Amino acid sequence: MRASRTLLGWSAAELAKRSNVGATTLRRYEMVGGVPSANLSVLLKFKSTLENAGIQFAGDPLVNPGVTLNFKG
């Protein structure tokens, strides 16, 4: 999530606001290495918010995670 925010130029507070999730929850998830064991609905909110902003997730999240930004002209 942190890499995605960086590509978009968003702060943690911005992603939390756009995802309608608490900033404390986001910070807790970002502190965990790898995929956090978390509420699936919260992770899906972050994922859909980031994807709607142009983020594409690549690779295996456990072995070789990655993100790219799709510029939508």
N, C-alpha and C. Protein backbone atom coordinates (compact mmCIF):
# COMPACT_ATOMS: atom_id res chain seq x y z
N MET A 1 0.82 -1.19 0.00
CA MET A 1 0.00 0.00 0.00
C MET A 1 0.87 1.25 0.00
N ARG A 2 1.96 1.20 0.74
CA ARG A 2 2.84 2.37 0.83
C ARG A 2 3.42 2.73 -0.54
N ALA A 3 3.85 1.71 -1.30
CA ALA A 3 4.39 1.97 -2.64
C ALA A 3 3.33 2.56 -3.55
N SER A 4 2.12 2.06 -3.43
CA SER A 4 1.01 2.59 -4.24
C SER A 4 0.74 4.05 -3.92
N ARG A 5 0.73 4.36 -2.62
CA ARG A 5 0.50 5.75 -2.20
C ARG A 5 1.58 6.67 -2.75
N THR A 6 2.83 6.18 -2.72
CA THR A 6 3.94 6.98 -3.21
C THR A 6 3.78 7.29 -4.70
N LEU A 7 3.42 6.28 -5.48
CA LEU A 7 3.21 6.49 -6.91
C LEU A 7 2.12 7.52 -7.18
N LEU A 8 1.10 7.52 -6.34
CA LEU A 8 -0.02 8.45 -6.52
C LEU A 8 0.22 9.81 -5.87
N GLY A 9 1.24 9.90 -5.02
CA GLY A 9 1.49 11.15 -4.31
C GLY A 9 0.51 11.37 -3.17
N TRP A 10 -0.04 10.30 -2.63
CA TRP A 10 -1.02 10.38 -1.55
C TRP A 10 -0.37 10.14 -0.20
N SER A 11 -0.85 10.83 0.80
CA SER A 11 -0.46 10.55 2.18
C SER A 11 -1.29 9.37 2.68
N ALA A 12 -0.91 8.86 3.85
CA ALA A 12 -1.70 7.80 4.47
C ALA A 12 -3.10 8.31 4.78
N ALA A 13 -3.18 9.54 5.24
CA ALA A 13 -4.49 10.13 5.56
C ALA A 13 -5.37 10.22 4.31
N GLU A 14 -4.76 10.53 3.17
CA GLU A 14 -5.52 10.64 1.91
C GLU A 14 -6.09 9.28 1.50
N LEU A 15 -5.26 8.23 1.56
CA LEU A 15 -5.75 6.90 1.21
C LEU A 15 -6.84 6.45 2.18
N ALA A 16 -6.64 6.70 3.44
CA ALA A 16 -7.65 6.31 4.43
C ALA A 16 -8.98 7.01 4.15
N LYS A 17 -8.91 8.30 3.86
CA LYS A 17 -10.12 9.08 3.59
C LYS A 17 -10.82 8.57 2.33
N ARG A 18 -10.05 8.37 1.26
CA ARG A 18 -10.64 7.93 0.00
C ARG A 18 -11.21 6.51 0.10
N SER A 19 -10.63 5.69 0.97
CA SER A 19 -11.08 4.32 1.15
C SER A 19 -12.19 4.19 2.18
N ASN A 20 -12.42 5.27 2.91
CA ASN A 20 -13.41 5.26 3.98
C ASN A 20 -13.03 4.24 5.07
N VAL A 21 -11.73 4.26 5.41
CA VAL A 21 -11.18 3.39 6.45
C VAL A 21 -10.37 4.28 7.39
N GLY A 22 -10.34 3.95 8.64
CA GLY A 22 -9.61 4.74 9.62
C GLY A 22 -8.11 4.80 9.35
N ALA A 23 -7.52 5.95 9.60
CA ALA A 23 -6.08 6.13 9.39
C ALA A 23 -5.27 5.20 10.29
N THR A 24 -5.74 4.94 11.49
CA THR A 24 -5.04 4.03 12.39
C THR A 24 -5.01 2.62 11.82
N THR A 25 -6.09 2.21 11.22
CA THR A 25 -6.15 0.89 10.59
C THR A 25 -5.14 0.81 9.46
N LEU A 26 -5.08 1.83 8.63
CA LEU A 26 -4.13 1.85 7.52
C LEU A 26 -2.70 1.78 8.04
N ARG A 27 -2.36 2.57 9.05
CA ARG A 27 -1.00 2.54 9.60
C ARG A 27 -0.66 1.15 10.13
N ARG A 28 -1.61 0.52 10.80
CA ARG A 28 -1.39 -0.82 11.34
C ARG A 28 -1.12 -1.82 10.21
N TYR A 29 -1.87 -1.74 9.13
CA TYR A 29 -1.68 -2.65 8.00
C TYR A 29 -0.34 -2.39 7.32
N GLU A 30 0.06 -1.14 7.20
CA GLU A 30 1.32 -0.82 6.52
C GLU A 30 2.55 -1.22 7.33
N MET A 31 2.41 -1.39 8.63
CA MET A 31 3.55 -1.77 9.46
C MET A 31 3.87 -3.26 9.34
N VAL A 32 2.92 -4.05 8.85
CA VAL A 32 3.11 -5.50 8.72
C VAL A 32 3.86 -5.80 7.44
N GLY A 33 4.87 -6.67 7.51
CA GLY A 33 5.55 -7.10 6.30
C GLY A 33 4.69 -8.12 5.57
N GLY A 34 4.60 -8.01 4.26
CA GLY A 34 3.80 -8.95 3.48
C GLY A 34 2.32 -8.60 3.53
N VAL A 35 1.51 -9.61 3.32
CA VAL A 35 0.06 -9.42 3.31
C VAL A 35 -0.44 -9.47 4.76
N PRO A 36 -1.08 -8.41 5.22
CA PRO A 36 -1.55 -8.41 6.61
C PRO A 36 -2.71 -9.38 6.80
N SER A 37 -2.73 -10.02 7.97
CA SER A 37 -3.91 -10.83 8.29
C SER A 37 -4.93 -9.83 8.82
N ALA A 38 -5.92 -9.55 7.99
CA ALA A 38 -6.82 -8.45 8.27
C ALA A 38 -8.22 -8.78 7.80
N ASN A 39 -9.11 -7.88 8.08
CA ASN A 39 -10.48 -7.98 7.62
C ASN A 39 -10.49 -7.88 6.10
N LEU A 40 -10.98 -8.88 5.42
CA LEU A 40 -10.97 -8.92 3.96
C LEU A 40 -11.71 -7.72 3.36
N SER A 41 -12.81 -7.31 3.95
CA SER A 41 -13.56 -6.18 3.39
C SER A 41 -12.75 -4.90 3.44
N VAL A 42 -11.92 -4.72 4.47
CA VAL A 42 -11.08 -3.53 4.57
C VAL A 42 -9.99 -3.58 3.50
N LEU A 43 -9.35 -4.74 3.33
CA LEU A 43 -8.33 -4.87 2.30
C LEU A 43 -8.91 -4.61 0.91
N LEU A 44 -10.11 -5.09 0.68
CA LEU A 44 -10.75 -4.87 -0.62
C LEU A 44 -11.08 -3.40 -0.85
N LYS A 45 -11.40 -2.67 0.21
CA LYS A 45 -11.63 -1.22 0.08
C LYS A 45 -10.34 -0.52 -0.37
N PHE A 46 -9.23 -0.87 0.27
CA PHE A 46 -7.95 -0.28 -0.13
C PHE A 46 -7.62 -0.66 -1.57
N LYS A 47 -7.78 -1.93 -1.90
CA LYS A 47 -7.44 -2.41 -3.24
C LYS A 47 -8.27 -1.70 -4.31
N SER A 48 -9.57 -1.63 -4.12
CA SER A 48 -10.41 -1.01 -5.15
C SER A 48 -10.15 0.49 -5.25
N THR A 49 -9.88 1.16 -4.13
CA THR A 49 -9.56 2.59 -4.18
C THR A 49 -8.28 2.82 -4.97
N LEU A 50 -7.27 2.01 -4.71
CA LEU A 50 -5.99 2.17 -5.41
C LEU A 50 -6.13 1.81 -6.89
N GLU A 51 -6.84 0.75 -7.20
CA GLU A 51 -7.03 0.37 -8.60
C GLU A 51 -7.83 1.42 -9.36
N ASN A 52 -8.82 2.01 -8.75
CA ASN A 52 -9.61 3.07 -9.40
C ASN A 52 -8.76 4.30 -9.67
N ALA A 53 -7.69 4.47 -8.90
CA ALA A 53 -6.79 5.61 -9.11
C ALA A 53 -5.71 5.29 -10.14
N GLY A 54 -5.67 4.04 -10.64
CA GLY A 54 -4.72 3.68 -11.68
C GLY A 54 -3.62 2.71 -11.26
N ILE A 55 -3.65 2.24 -10.04
CA ILE A 55 -2.64 1.30 -9.57
C ILE A 55 -2.97 -0.10 -10.10
N GLN A 56 -1.93 -0.78 -10.59
CA GLN A 56 -2.06 -2.18 -11.00
C GLN A 56 -1.13 -3.00 -10.12
N PHE A 57 -1.66 -4.03 -9.51
CA PHE A 57 -0.86 -4.91 -8.67
C PHE A 57 -0.26 -6.00 -9.54
N ALA A 58 1.02 -6.30 -9.30
CA ALA A 58 1.73 -7.28 -10.12
C ALA A 58 2.48 -8.25 -9.22
N GLY A 59 2.78 -9.41 -9.76
CA GLY A 59 3.57 -10.39 -9.03
C GLY A 59 2.78 -11.09 -7.95
N ASP A 60 3.48 -11.92 -7.23
CA ASP A 60 2.89 -12.67 -6.11
C ASP A 60 3.09 -11.85 -4.84
N PRO A 61 2.03 -11.54 -4.11
CA PRO A 61 2.17 -10.68 -2.94
C PRO A 61 3.06 -11.25 -1.84
N LEU A 62 3.25 -12.57 -1.84
CA LEU A 62 4.09 -13.19 -0.81
C LEU A 62 5.54 -13.35 -1.24
N VAL A 63 5.80 -13.44 -2.56
CA VAL A 63 7.14 -13.72 -3.04
C VAL A 63 7.76 -12.53 -3.76
N ASN A 64 7.03 -11.94 -4.68
CA ASN A 64 7.59 -10.87 -5.52
C ASN A 64 6.52 -9.81 -5.78
N PRO A 65 6.10 -9.08 -4.73
CA PRO A 65 5.02 -8.10 -4.93
C PRO A 65 5.51 -6.88 -5.72
N GLY A 66 4.57 -6.26 -6.39
CA GLY A 66 4.90 -5.05 -7.12
C GLY A 66 3.65 -4.27 -7.49
N VAL A 67 3.86 -3.00 -7.80
CA VAL A 67 2.76 -2.15 -8.24
C VAL A 67 3.26 -1.26 -9.38
N THR A 68 2.37 -0.93 -10.28
CA THR A 68 2.67 0.03 -11.33
C THR A 68 1.51 1.01 -11.40
N LEU A 69 1.77 2.16 -11.98
CA LEU A 69 0.73 3.17 -12.14
C LEU A 69 0.36 3.24 -13.61
N ASN A 70 -0.90 3.03 -13.90
CA ASN A 70 -1.43 3.10 -15.25
C ASN A 70 -1.93 4.52 -15.49
N PHE A 71 -1.20 5.26 -16.32
CA PHE A 71 -1.63 6.62 -16.64
C PHE A 71 -2.80 6.56 -17.58
N LYS A 72 -3.90 7.19 -17.20
CA LYS A 72 -5.14 7.11 -17.98
C LYS A 72 -5.38 8.37 -18.80
N GLY A 73 -4.35 9.00 -19.28
CA GLY A 73 -4.51 10.15 -20.16
C GLY A 73 -5.39 11.20 -19.75
